[in-house]
N, C-alpha and C. Protein backbone atom coordinates (compact mmCIF):
# COMPACT_ATOMS: atom_id res chain seq x y z
N MET A 1 -20.99 -41.78 -46.40
CA MET A 1 -20.07 -41.02 -45.59
C MET A 1 -20.02 -39.56 -46.04
N LEU A 2 -20.01 -39.34 -47.34
CA LEU A 2 -19.94 -37.98 -47.85
C LEU A 2 -21.18 -37.17 -47.49
N LYS A 3 -22.33 -37.84 -47.33
CA LYS A 3 -23.56 -37.14 -46.95
C LYS A 3 -23.51 -36.70 -45.48
N ILE A 4 -22.77 -37.39 -44.67
CA ILE A 4 -22.67 -37.08 -43.24
C ILE A 4 -21.83 -35.83 -43.01
N ILE A 5 -20.81 -35.62 -43.81
CA ILE A 5 -19.92 -34.48 -43.62
C ILE A 5 -20.67 -33.15 -43.67
N PRO A 6 -21.53 -32.90 -44.68
CA PRO A 6 -22.27 -31.62 -44.68
C PRO A 6 -23.17 -31.47 -43.46
N ILE A 7 -23.75 -32.56 -43.00
CA ILE A 7 -24.63 -32.48 -41.82
C ILE A 7 -23.81 -32.10 -40.59
N VAL A 8 -22.65 -32.72 -40.43
CA VAL A 8 -21.78 -32.41 -39.30
C VAL A 8 -21.32 -30.95 -39.39
N LEU A 9 -20.94 -30.49 -40.57
CA LEU A 9 -20.53 -29.09 -40.74
C LEU A 9 -21.67 -28.14 -40.41
N LEU A 10 -22.88 -28.47 -40.82
CA LEU A 10 -24.05 -27.64 -40.50
C LEU A 10 -24.27 -27.59 -38.99
N MET A 11 -24.13 -28.72 -38.32
CA MET A 11 -24.31 -28.77 -36.87
C MET A 11 -23.25 -27.93 -36.16
N VAL A 12 -21.99 -28.05 -36.60
CA VAL A 12 -20.91 -27.28 -35.98
C VAL A 12 -21.12 -25.79 -36.21
N THR A 13 -21.49 -25.42 -37.42
CA THR A 13 -21.74 -24.01 -37.74
C THR A 13 -22.91 -23.47 -36.92
N SER A 14 -23.98 -24.25 -36.82
CA SER A 14 -25.14 -23.83 -36.03
C SER A 14 -24.78 -23.64 -34.57
N PHE A 15 -23.99 -24.56 -34.02
CA PHE A 15 -23.57 -24.43 -32.63
C PHE A 15 -22.72 -23.19 -32.45
N SER A 16 -21.82 -22.93 -33.39
CA SER A 16 -20.96 -21.75 -33.31
C SER A 16 -21.78 -20.47 -33.34
N VAL A 17 -22.77 -20.39 -34.22
CA VAL A 17 -23.64 -19.21 -34.30
C VAL A 17 -24.42 -19.07 -33.00
N PHE A 18 -24.95 -20.18 -32.47
CA PHE A 18 -25.68 -20.15 -31.21
C PHE A 18 -24.78 -19.67 -30.07
N ALA A 19 -23.55 -20.19 -30.02
CA ALA A 19 -22.62 -19.79 -28.96
C ALA A 19 -22.27 -18.31 -29.09
N ASP A 20 -22.03 -17.84 -30.32
CA ASP A 20 -21.73 -16.41 -30.52
C ASP A 20 -22.90 -15.55 -30.10
N ASP A 21 -24.13 -15.98 -30.43
CA ASP A 21 -25.32 -15.23 -30.06
C ASP A 21 -25.47 -15.19 -28.54
N LYS A 22 -25.26 -16.32 -27.89
CA LYS A 22 -25.35 -16.39 -26.42
C LYS A 22 -24.30 -15.48 -25.78
N HIS A 23 -23.10 -15.48 -26.34
CA HIS A 23 -22.02 -14.63 -25.83
C HIS A 23 -22.39 -13.15 -26.02
N SER A 24 -22.89 -12.79 -27.19
CA SER A 24 -23.29 -11.40 -27.45
C SER A 24 -24.40 -10.96 -26.52
N GLN A 25 -25.36 -11.84 -26.28
CA GLN A 25 -26.44 -11.52 -25.35
C GLN A 25 -25.91 -11.33 -23.94
N ALA A 26 -24.95 -12.15 -23.55
CA ALA A 26 -24.35 -12.02 -22.22
C ALA A 26 -23.62 -10.70 -22.09
N VAL A 27 -22.86 -10.31 -23.11
CA VAL A 27 -22.15 -9.03 -23.07
C VAL A 27 -23.15 -7.88 -22.95
N ALA A 28 -24.21 -7.92 -23.73
CA ALA A 28 -25.22 -6.86 -23.67
C ALA A 28 -25.88 -6.81 -22.30
N SER A 29 -26.18 -7.97 -21.72
CA SER A 29 -26.84 -7.97 -20.41
C SER A 29 -25.88 -7.51 -19.31
N LEU A 30 -24.59 -7.76 -19.47
CA LEU A 30 -23.62 -7.28 -18.48
C LEU A 30 -23.44 -5.77 -18.57
N ASN A 31 -23.49 -5.23 -19.77
CA ASN A 31 -23.46 -3.77 -19.92
C ASN A 31 -24.71 -3.16 -19.29
N ALA A 32 -25.86 -3.79 -19.47
CA ALA A 32 -27.09 -3.31 -18.85
C ALA A 32 -27.00 -3.43 -17.32
N PHE A 33 -26.36 -4.48 -16.84
CA PHE A 33 -26.15 -4.68 -15.40
C PHE A 33 -25.34 -3.51 -14.83
N ASN A 34 -24.27 -3.13 -15.53
CA ASN A 34 -23.45 -2.00 -15.10
C ASN A 34 -24.27 -0.71 -15.11
N ASP A 35 -25.09 -0.52 -16.14
CA ASP A 35 -25.97 0.65 -16.19
C ASP A 35 -26.93 0.66 -15.01
N ARG A 36 -27.46 -0.52 -14.67
CA ARG A 36 -28.36 -0.63 -13.50
C ARG A 36 -27.63 -0.22 -12.22
N PHE A 37 -26.39 -0.68 -12.07
CA PHE A 37 -25.60 -0.32 -10.89
C PHE A 37 -25.50 1.19 -10.79
N ASN A 38 -25.06 1.84 -11.87
CA ASN A 38 -24.89 3.29 -11.87
C ASN A 38 -26.21 4.01 -11.61
N GLN A 39 -27.29 3.53 -12.22
CA GLN A 39 -28.60 4.17 -12.03
C GLN A 39 -29.09 4.01 -10.59
N SER A 40 -28.84 2.86 -9.99
CA SER A 40 -29.25 2.64 -8.60
C SER A 40 -28.54 3.58 -7.65
N VAL A 41 -27.28 3.90 -7.95
CA VAL A 41 -26.55 4.88 -7.14
C VAL A 41 -27.19 6.25 -7.30
N VAL A 42 -27.47 6.65 -8.55
CA VAL A 42 -28.10 7.95 -8.81
C VAL A 42 -29.42 8.06 -8.06
N GLU A 43 -30.19 6.98 -8.05
CA GLU A 43 -31.49 6.97 -7.39
C GLU A 43 -31.38 6.80 -5.88
N GLY A 44 -30.19 6.52 -5.37
CA GLY A 44 -30.00 6.30 -3.94
C GLY A 44 -30.67 5.03 -3.46
N ASN A 45 -30.69 4.00 -4.30
CA ASN A 45 -31.39 2.76 -4.00
C ASN A 45 -30.42 1.69 -3.51
N ALA A 46 -30.11 1.74 -2.22
CA ALA A 46 -29.17 0.78 -1.63
C ALA A 46 -29.70 -0.64 -1.72
N ASP A 47 -31.01 -0.82 -1.58
CA ASP A 47 -31.57 -2.17 -1.64
C ASP A 47 -31.34 -2.81 -3.00
N ASP A 48 -31.50 -2.02 -4.08
CA ASP A 48 -31.27 -2.58 -5.42
C ASP A 48 -29.79 -2.90 -5.61
N LEU A 49 -28.91 -2.06 -5.10
CA LEU A 49 -27.47 -2.35 -5.20
C LEU A 49 -27.14 -3.66 -4.51
N VAL A 50 -27.66 -3.87 -3.31
CA VAL A 50 -27.40 -5.10 -2.57
C VAL A 50 -28.02 -6.30 -3.30
N ASP A 51 -29.17 -6.08 -3.96
CA ASP A 51 -29.83 -7.16 -4.69
C ASP A 51 -29.00 -7.65 -5.87
N MET A 52 -28.02 -6.89 -6.28
CA MET A 52 -27.18 -7.28 -7.41
C MET A 52 -26.12 -8.31 -6.99
N TYR A 53 -26.05 -8.59 -5.70
CA TYR A 53 -25.04 -9.50 -5.14
C TYR A 53 -25.67 -10.84 -4.76
N ALA A 54 -24.90 -11.91 -4.94
CA ALA A 54 -25.31 -13.23 -4.45
C ALA A 54 -25.24 -13.21 -2.92
N LYS A 55 -26.07 -14.02 -2.30
CA LYS A 55 -26.11 -14.06 -0.83
C LYS A 55 -24.77 -14.46 -0.22
N ASP A 56 -23.97 -15.23 -0.96
CA ASP A 56 -22.68 -15.70 -0.46
C ASP A 56 -21.50 -14.97 -1.10
N THR A 57 -21.72 -13.73 -1.51
CA THR A 57 -20.68 -12.94 -2.17
C THR A 57 -19.40 -12.90 -1.35
N LEU A 58 -18.28 -13.03 -2.05
CA LEU A 58 -16.97 -12.83 -1.44
C LEU A 58 -16.64 -11.35 -1.62
N TRP A 59 -16.45 -10.63 -0.51
CA TRP A 59 -16.21 -9.18 -0.51
C TRP A 59 -14.76 -8.94 -0.12
N ILE A 60 -13.99 -8.33 -1.01
CA ILE A 60 -12.57 -8.10 -0.75
C ILE A 60 -12.32 -6.60 -0.84
N GLU A 61 -12.10 -6.01 0.33
CA GLU A 61 -11.89 -4.57 0.44
C GLU A 61 -10.46 -4.33 0.91
N GLN A 62 -9.82 -3.34 0.33
CA GLN A 62 -8.42 -3.08 0.66
C GLN A 62 -8.22 -2.89 2.16
N GLY A 63 -7.15 -3.49 2.67
CA GLY A 63 -6.76 -3.31 4.05
C GLY A 63 -7.65 -4.00 5.07
N LYS A 64 -8.56 -4.85 4.62
CA LYS A 64 -9.45 -5.57 5.55
C LYS A 64 -9.49 -7.04 5.15
N PRO A 65 -9.79 -7.90 6.10
CA PRO A 65 -9.93 -9.31 5.75
C PRO A 65 -11.14 -9.51 4.82
N ALA A 66 -11.03 -10.46 3.91
CA ALA A 66 -12.14 -10.79 3.03
C ALA A 66 -13.30 -11.31 3.88
N THR A 67 -14.51 -10.99 3.45
CA THR A 67 -15.72 -11.48 4.13
C THR A 67 -16.63 -12.13 3.11
N GLN A 68 -17.60 -12.85 3.61
CA GLN A 68 -18.57 -13.48 2.73
C GLN A 68 -19.96 -13.12 3.20
N GLY A 69 -20.85 -12.83 2.25
CA GLY A 69 -22.22 -12.48 2.58
C GLY A 69 -22.53 -11.05 2.14
N LEU A 70 -23.66 -10.55 2.61
CA LEU A 70 -24.16 -9.25 2.17
C LEU A 70 -23.97 -8.12 3.18
N GLU A 71 -23.43 -8.42 4.36
CA GLU A 71 -23.31 -7.40 5.40
C GLU A 71 -22.43 -6.21 4.96
N GLU A 72 -21.25 -6.48 4.41
CA GLU A 72 -20.35 -5.39 4.02
C GLU A 72 -20.88 -4.59 2.82
N PRO A 73 -21.38 -5.26 1.76
CA PRO A 73 -21.97 -4.47 0.69
C PRO A 73 -23.13 -3.59 1.19
N ARG A 74 -23.97 -4.15 2.07
CA ARG A 74 -25.10 -3.38 2.59
C ARG A 74 -24.61 -2.15 3.37
N LYS A 75 -23.59 -2.34 4.22
CA LYS A 75 -23.05 -1.20 4.98
C LYS A 75 -22.53 -0.11 4.05
N LEU A 76 -21.76 -0.52 3.04
CA LEU A 76 -21.19 0.46 2.12
C LEU A 76 -22.28 1.20 1.35
N PHE A 77 -23.23 0.48 0.79
CA PHE A 77 -24.25 1.13 -0.03
C PHE A 77 -25.23 1.96 0.79
N ASN A 78 -25.49 1.56 2.03
CA ASN A 78 -26.30 2.41 2.92
C ASN A 78 -25.56 3.71 3.22
N PHE A 79 -24.25 3.61 3.44
CA PHE A 79 -23.43 4.80 3.69
C PHE A 79 -23.40 5.70 2.46
N VAL A 80 -23.16 5.12 1.29
CA VAL A 80 -23.09 5.91 0.05
C VAL A 80 -24.41 6.61 -0.20
N THR A 81 -25.52 5.89 -0.11
CA THR A 81 -26.81 6.50 -0.43
C THR A 81 -27.24 7.49 0.65
N ALA A 82 -26.94 7.22 1.92
CA ALA A 82 -27.30 8.15 3.00
C ALA A 82 -26.55 9.48 2.85
N ASN A 83 -25.36 9.42 2.27
CA ASN A 83 -24.53 10.62 2.10
C ASN A 83 -24.60 11.18 0.68
N LYS A 84 -25.62 10.74 -0.06
CA LYS A 84 -25.85 11.21 -1.44
C LYS A 84 -24.60 11.10 -2.30
N GLY A 85 -23.94 9.95 -2.16
CA GLY A 85 -22.73 9.70 -2.93
C GLY A 85 -22.99 9.58 -4.41
N GLN A 86 -22.02 9.98 -5.16
CA GLN A 86 -22.04 9.84 -6.62
C GLN A 86 -20.94 8.85 -6.97
N VAL A 87 -21.35 7.67 -7.38
CA VAL A 87 -20.39 6.62 -7.71
C VAL A 87 -20.71 6.14 -9.12
N THR A 88 -19.69 6.15 -9.97
CA THR A 88 -19.88 5.70 -11.34
C THR A 88 -18.87 4.62 -11.66
N HIS A 89 -19.38 3.48 -12.12
CA HIS A 89 -18.53 2.38 -12.58
C HIS A 89 -18.42 2.45 -14.09
N THR A 90 -17.22 2.30 -14.59
CA THR A 90 -16.96 2.21 -16.02
C THR A 90 -16.31 0.86 -16.27
N ILE A 91 -16.80 0.15 -17.28
CA ILE A 91 -16.21 -1.16 -17.62
C ILE A 91 -14.98 -0.93 -18.49
N ASP A 92 -13.83 -1.40 -18.01
CA ASP A 92 -12.59 -1.32 -18.78
C ASP A 92 -12.29 -2.64 -19.50
N ARG A 93 -12.61 -3.75 -18.85
CA ARG A 93 -12.40 -5.09 -19.43
C ARG A 93 -13.59 -5.96 -19.04
N LEU A 94 -14.03 -6.76 -20.00
CA LEU A 94 -15.14 -7.68 -19.75
C LEU A 94 -14.80 -9.02 -20.39
N PHE A 95 -14.77 -10.05 -19.57
CA PHE A 95 -14.50 -11.40 -20.04
C PHE A 95 -15.72 -12.26 -19.75
N VAL A 96 -16.20 -12.96 -20.76
CA VAL A 96 -17.35 -13.84 -20.60
C VAL A 96 -16.93 -15.23 -21.06
N SER A 97 -17.22 -16.24 -20.24
CA SER A 97 -16.87 -17.60 -20.64
C SER A 97 -17.63 -17.98 -21.91
N ASP A 98 -17.10 -18.94 -22.63
CA ASP A 98 -17.71 -19.35 -23.90
C ASP A 98 -19.16 -19.76 -23.74
N ASP A 99 -19.50 -20.38 -22.62
CA ASP A 99 -20.88 -20.82 -22.41
C ASP A 99 -21.69 -19.79 -21.62
N ALA A 100 -21.13 -18.61 -21.38
CA ALA A 100 -21.80 -17.52 -20.67
C ALA A 100 -22.26 -17.92 -19.27
N SER A 101 -21.49 -18.81 -18.64
CA SER A 101 -21.84 -19.24 -17.28
C SER A 101 -21.06 -18.48 -16.21
N LEU A 102 -20.13 -17.62 -16.64
CA LEU A 102 -19.32 -16.87 -15.71
C LEU A 102 -18.76 -15.66 -16.45
N ALA A 103 -18.63 -14.55 -15.73
CA ALA A 103 -18.06 -13.35 -16.33
C ALA A 103 -17.17 -12.65 -15.32
N VAL A 104 -16.19 -11.93 -15.84
CA VAL A 104 -15.32 -11.09 -15.01
C VAL A 104 -15.37 -9.69 -15.61
N MET A 105 -15.72 -8.73 -14.76
CA MET A 105 -15.82 -7.32 -15.16
C MET A 105 -14.79 -6.55 -14.35
N ILE A 106 -13.92 -5.83 -15.04
CA ILE A 106 -12.89 -5.03 -14.38
C ILE A 106 -13.08 -3.60 -14.84
N GLY A 107 -13.05 -2.67 -13.91
CA GLY A 107 -13.28 -1.30 -14.33
C GLY A 107 -12.78 -0.26 -13.37
N SER A 108 -13.14 0.96 -13.73
CA SER A 108 -12.75 2.15 -12.96
C SER A 108 -13.96 2.69 -12.21
N VAL A 109 -13.66 3.34 -11.09
CA VAL A 109 -14.69 3.93 -10.25
C VAL A 109 -14.35 5.39 -10.00
N ASP A 110 -15.35 6.24 -10.13
CA ASP A 110 -15.26 7.63 -9.68
C ASP A 110 -16.25 7.76 -8.54
N ALA A 111 -15.79 8.23 -7.39
CA ALA A 111 -16.65 8.35 -6.22
C ALA A 111 -16.51 9.73 -5.60
N LYS A 112 -17.66 10.35 -5.38
CA LYS A 112 -17.68 11.67 -4.74
C LYS A 112 -18.79 11.69 -3.68
N MET A 113 -18.44 12.20 -2.51
CA MET A 113 -19.41 12.41 -1.44
C MET A 113 -19.02 13.69 -0.74
N GLU A 114 -19.67 14.77 -1.12
CA GLU A 114 -19.33 16.08 -0.55
C GLU A 114 -19.47 16.09 0.96
N LYS A 115 -20.53 15.43 1.48
CA LYS A 115 -20.79 15.44 2.93
C LYS A 115 -19.61 14.94 3.75
N VAL A 116 -18.82 14.02 3.19
CA VAL A 116 -17.70 13.45 3.94
C VAL A 116 -16.35 13.81 3.32
N GLY A 117 -16.36 14.72 2.35
CA GLY A 117 -15.11 15.18 1.75
C GLY A 117 -14.41 14.15 0.88
N LEU A 118 -15.17 13.27 0.25
CA LEU A 118 -14.58 12.23 -0.58
C LEU A 118 -14.64 12.63 -2.05
N ASP A 119 -13.52 12.58 -2.71
CA ASP A 119 -13.41 12.76 -4.15
C ASP A 119 -12.29 11.82 -4.58
N ALA A 120 -12.67 10.62 -5.01
CA ALA A 120 -11.67 9.57 -5.21
C ALA A 120 -11.92 8.79 -6.49
N THR A 121 -10.89 8.08 -6.90
CA THR A 121 -11.02 7.12 -7.98
C THR A 121 -10.65 5.76 -7.42
N GLY A 122 -10.99 4.74 -8.16
CA GLY A 122 -10.67 3.40 -7.71
C GLY A 122 -10.76 2.41 -8.86
N THR A 123 -10.59 1.16 -8.49
CA THR A 123 -10.65 0.05 -9.43
C THR A 123 -11.51 -1.03 -8.79
N TYR A 124 -12.30 -1.71 -9.62
CA TYR A 124 -13.09 -2.82 -9.11
C TYR A 124 -12.93 -4.04 -10.00
N LEU A 125 -13.18 -5.20 -9.44
CA LEU A 125 -13.22 -6.45 -10.18
C LEU A 125 -14.42 -7.23 -9.67
N PHE A 126 -15.34 -7.51 -10.55
CA PHE A 126 -16.50 -8.35 -10.24
C PHE A 126 -16.34 -9.69 -10.92
N VAL A 127 -16.65 -10.76 -10.21
CA VAL A 127 -16.89 -12.06 -10.82
C VAL A 127 -18.40 -12.24 -10.72
N LEU A 128 -19.03 -12.56 -11.85
CA LEU A 128 -20.49 -12.65 -11.89
C LEU A 128 -20.93 -13.99 -12.47
N ARG A 129 -22.10 -14.43 -12.04
CA ARG A 129 -22.70 -15.62 -12.63
C ARG A 129 -24.15 -15.29 -12.96
N PRO A 130 -24.69 -15.95 -13.99
CA PRO A 130 -26.08 -15.69 -14.33
C PRO A 130 -27.01 -16.18 -13.23
N ASP A 131 -28.12 -15.48 -13.09
CA ASP A 131 -29.13 -15.84 -12.09
C ASP A 131 -30.49 -15.49 -12.69
N GLY A 132 -31.09 -16.44 -13.36
CA GLY A 132 -32.35 -16.17 -14.04
C GLY A 132 -32.12 -15.22 -15.20
N SER A 133 -32.83 -14.10 -15.21
CA SER A 133 -32.72 -13.16 -16.32
C SER A 133 -31.67 -12.07 -16.07
N THR A 134 -30.93 -12.19 -14.98
CA THR A 134 -29.92 -11.17 -14.66
C THR A 134 -28.62 -11.86 -14.24
N TRP A 135 -27.72 -11.10 -13.69
CA TRP A 135 -26.46 -11.60 -13.18
C TRP A 135 -26.39 -11.28 -11.70
N LYS A 136 -25.57 -12.02 -10.97
CA LYS A 136 -25.28 -11.73 -9.57
C LYS A 136 -23.77 -11.64 -9.40
N ILE A 137 -23.35 -10.68 -8.61
CA ILE A 137 -21.94 -10.54 -8.27
C ILE A 137 -21.62 -11.60 -7.22
N VAL A 138 -20.65 -12.45 -7.50
CA VAL A 138 -20.25 -13.48 -6.53
C VAL A 138 -18.94 -13.13 -5.85
N THR A 139 -18.16 -12.24 -6.48
CA THR A 139 -16.94 -11.72 -5.87
C THR A 139 -16.82 -10.25 -6.24
N ASP A 140 -16.56 -9.42 -5.24
CA ASP A 140 -16.34 -7.99 -5.47
C ASP A 140 -15.03 -7.63 -4.77
N MET A 141 -14.04 -7.29 -5.58
CA MET A 141 -12.76 -6.85 -5.05
C MET A 141 -12.56 -5.43 -5.53
N TRP A 142 -12.34 -4.51 -4.58
CA TRP A 142 -12.19 -3.12 -4.99
C TRP A 142 -11.09 -2.43 -4.21
N HIS A 143 -10.61 -1.35 -4.82
CA HIS A 143 -9.50 -0.61 -4.24
C HIS A 143 -9.70 0.86 -4.53
N GLN A 144 -9.62 1.67 -3.49
CA GLN A 144 -9.67 3.12 -3.66
C GLN A 144 -8.25 3.63 -3.80
N HIS A 145 -7.99 4.36 -4.86
CA HIS A 145 -6.62 4.84 -5.11
C HIS A 145 -6.28 5.98 -4.15
N SER A 146 -5.03 6.02 -3.74
CA SER A 146 -4.55 7.11 -2.90
C SER A 146 -4.39 8.36 -3.77
N PRO A 147 -4.74 9.52 -3.23
CA PRO A 147 -4.57 10.75 -4.03
C PRO A 147 -3.08 10.98 -4.31
N GLN A 148 -2.82 11.47 -5.51
CA GLN A 148 -1.44 11.78 -5.86
C GLN A 148 -1.06 13.13 -5.28
N LYS A 149 0.19 13.26 -4.86
CA LYS A 149 0.67 14.52 -4.29
C LYS A 149 0.61 15.61 -5.35
N GLY A 150 0.22 16.79 -4.91
CA GLY A 150 0.15 17.92 -5.81
C GLY A 150 -1.18 18.04 -6.52
N LYS A 151 -2.10 17.16 -6.20
CA LYS A 151 -3.42 17.22 -6.85
C LYS A 151 -4.49 17.49 -5.85
C-alpha cells in the first residue's frame, strides 16, 4: 500500500503540470488570436475576421435582436474594412476552462472611421471554443458606448 501512494502522487502531480501547461498554452493562443483580430483589421482583411467565427455564431448587438450565423459579422467587417476603419481590441479579462475547452474574453474596443465620422469606444465579450490549432468565436456580444457630454 505504501508503494502505491508515491505512484498516485506522481500521477496527480503529472496531471496537474499537464493541465497547467495546457492552460498556459490556451492563454498564449488566445492572446495570439486577439493579435490576429487586430492585425486583420489593420490589413483590411474582412474575410479573415469572419473566418475567426464559428458558422453558428451567436451575434448579440446592442439594440437589435440576437442572430445566429455569419451574416451580421460579415456585414460589419465589410463595412469596417471598406471604410478603412481602425478597430483595436484589448483584452481586459480572460477566463479559460480548466480543460481549455472553452474561453471567455472580455475587453475594450477603440473604433475610428473618419469616412463616417466615427470615434467611439466599446466593450466586447467573446465566448470561444478550440477548433483545431486555433479558436473560433461562438458568441460575440458587443456594445458601443455613448459619447459623454462635454467630450
